[in-house]
Amino acid sequence: MREPRHPAGVLKPRGPYSPAVIAGGRLLFTASQGPLDPATGKEPPGGIEVEARQALSNIRAIVEGCGGSLRNRGLPGRRSNPTSPIRSPSTSSSRWTTRAPP
């Protein structure tokens, strides 16, 4: 069974999709999230790191709005790029969860 979810406090999608879908009663899928602040509908100033934090905050709001927690997350696939200006997920994941990265 598939249950579309639209948690309170989450920016309304611009397209015909749900911010989250619960499948099989326990598995939560989230839609792609950008760096838009739900309060203003605009990107926060400050560059890529601030935008990444906002996108992760948006995902956290969706997960928690559906009754979940980032402690019980799956990790997305990652591409290693030594020239990337974004910090390694292993150095920044502690801001978003208490579980140690694999």
Protein backbone atom coordinates (compact mmCIF):
# COMPACT_ATOMS: atom_id res chain seq x y z
CA MET A 1 0.00 0.00 0.00
CA ARG A 2 1.20 3.51 -0.83
CA GLU A 3 0.30 6.56 1.29
CA PRO A 4 1.20 10.04 -0.03
CA ARG A 5 2.08 12.48 2.76
CA HIS A 6 2.08 16.29 2.94
CA PRO A 7 3.46 17.16 6.42
CA ALA A 8 2.64 20.54 7.95
CA GLY A 9 5.38 23.16 7.77
CA VAL A 10 6.86 21.77 4.56
CA LEU A 11 7.04 23.87 1.38
CA LYS A 12 4.23 22.94 -1.00
CA PRO A 13 5.58 21.10 -4.06
CA ARG A 14 5.61 23.02 -7.33
CA GLY A 15 4.63 19.92 -9.27
CA PRO A 16 2.00 17.19 -8.96
CA TYR A 17 3.84 15.06 -6.41
CA SER A 18 3.94 14.42 -2.67
CA PRO A 19 6.88 15.45 -0.48
CA ALA A 20 6.82 11.93 0.95
CA VAL A 21 5.28 8.52 0.39
CA ILE A 22 5.02 5.75 2.95
CA ALA A 23 5.12 2.28 1.41
CA GLY A 24 4.37 -0.98 3.15
CA GLY A 25 3.48 0.83 6.38
CA ARG A 26 7.08 1.60 7.44
CA LEU A 27 9.25 2.61 4.48
CA LEU A 28 9.40 6.36 3.82
CA PHE A 29 10.47 7.82 0.47
CA THR A 30 11.09 11.57 0.20
CA ALA A 31 11.00 13.66 -2.96
CA SER A 32 14.08 15.58 -3.98
CA GLN A 33 14.47 18.71 -1.87
CA GLY A 34 16.13 21.97 -2.74
CA PRO A 35 17.42 24.77 -0.54
CA LEU A 36 14.18 26.79 -0.35
CA ASP A 37 13.22 28.09 3.10
CA PRO A 38 9.59 27.04 3.78
CA ALA A 39 8.93 30.33 5.62
CA THR A 40 9.96 32.56 2.70
CA GLY A 41 9.97 30.28 -0.35
CA LYS A 42 13.44 31.63 -1.22
CA GLU A 43 17.01 30.32 -1.11
CA PRO A 44 18.94 31.41 1.98
CA PRO A 45 21.93 33.71 1.38
CA GLY A 46 25.40 32.41 2.14
CA GLY A 47 26.41 29.97 -0.55
CA ILE A 48 26.43 26.25 -1.11
CA GLU A 49 27.00 25.15 2.50
CA VAL A 50 24.02 27.15 3.77
CA GLU A 51 21.90 25.85 0.88
CA ALA A 52 22.91 22.26 1.65
CA ARG A 53 21.96 22.76 5.31
CA GLN A 54 18.58 24.14 4.26
CA ALA A 55 17.93 21.19 1.92
CA LEU A 56 18.78 18.76 4.74
CA SER A 57 16.55 20.71 7.14
CA ASN A 58 13.74 20.37 4.60
CA ILE A 59 14.27 16.61 4.46
CA ARG A 60 14.35 16.42 8.26
CA ALA A 61 11.03 18.33 8.44
CA ILE A 62 9.43 15.88 6.01
CA VAL A 63 10.75 12.80 7.83
CA GLU A 64 9.78 14.08 11.29
CA GLY A 65 6.42 15.32 9.96
CA CYS A 66 5.71 11.74 8.91
CA GLY A 67 6.63 10.41 12.36
CA GLY A 68 10.16 9.29 11.48
CA SER A 69 13.67 10.19 12.54
CA LEU A 70 16.95 10.65 10.71
CA ARG A 71 18.46 8.12 13.11
CA ASN A 72 16.75 5.41 11.04
CA ARG A 73 17.91 6.56 7.64
CA GLY A 74 19.32 4.87 4.61
CA LEU A 75 22.29 6.55 2.97
CA PRO A 76 22.01 7.67 -0.64
CA GLY A 77 24.67 6.69 -3.14
CA ARG A 78 27.62 9.08 -3.14
CA ARG A 79 30.12 9.97 -5.81
CA SER A 80 33.66 10.68 -4.71
CA ASN A 81 35.06 13.88 -6.18
CA PRO A 82 38.31 15.18 -4.67
CA THR A 83 37.85 18.59 -6.34
CA SER A 84 34.39 19.16 -4.84
CA PRO A 85 34.11 22.24 -2.58
CA ILE A 86 31.50 20.47 -0.43
CA ARG A 87 32.77 18.80 2.73
CA SER A 88 32.77 15.04 3.01
CA PRO A 89 29.47 13.62 4.34
CA SER A 90 31.42 11.92 7.13
CA THR A 91 32.46 15.32 8.53
CA SER A 92 29.03 16.92 8.36
CA SER A 93 26.60 14.04 9.05
CA SER A 94 26.82 14.54 12.82
CA ARG A 95 24.77 17.72 12.39
CA TRP A 96 21.84 15.69 11.12
CA THR A 97 21.94 12.40 12.99
CA THR A 98 23.46 10.71 16.01
CA ARG A 99 24.21 7.49 14.16
CA ALA A 100 27.79 7.00 13.00
CA PRO A 101 28.29 6.76 9.24
CA PRO A 102 29.10 3.27 7.89
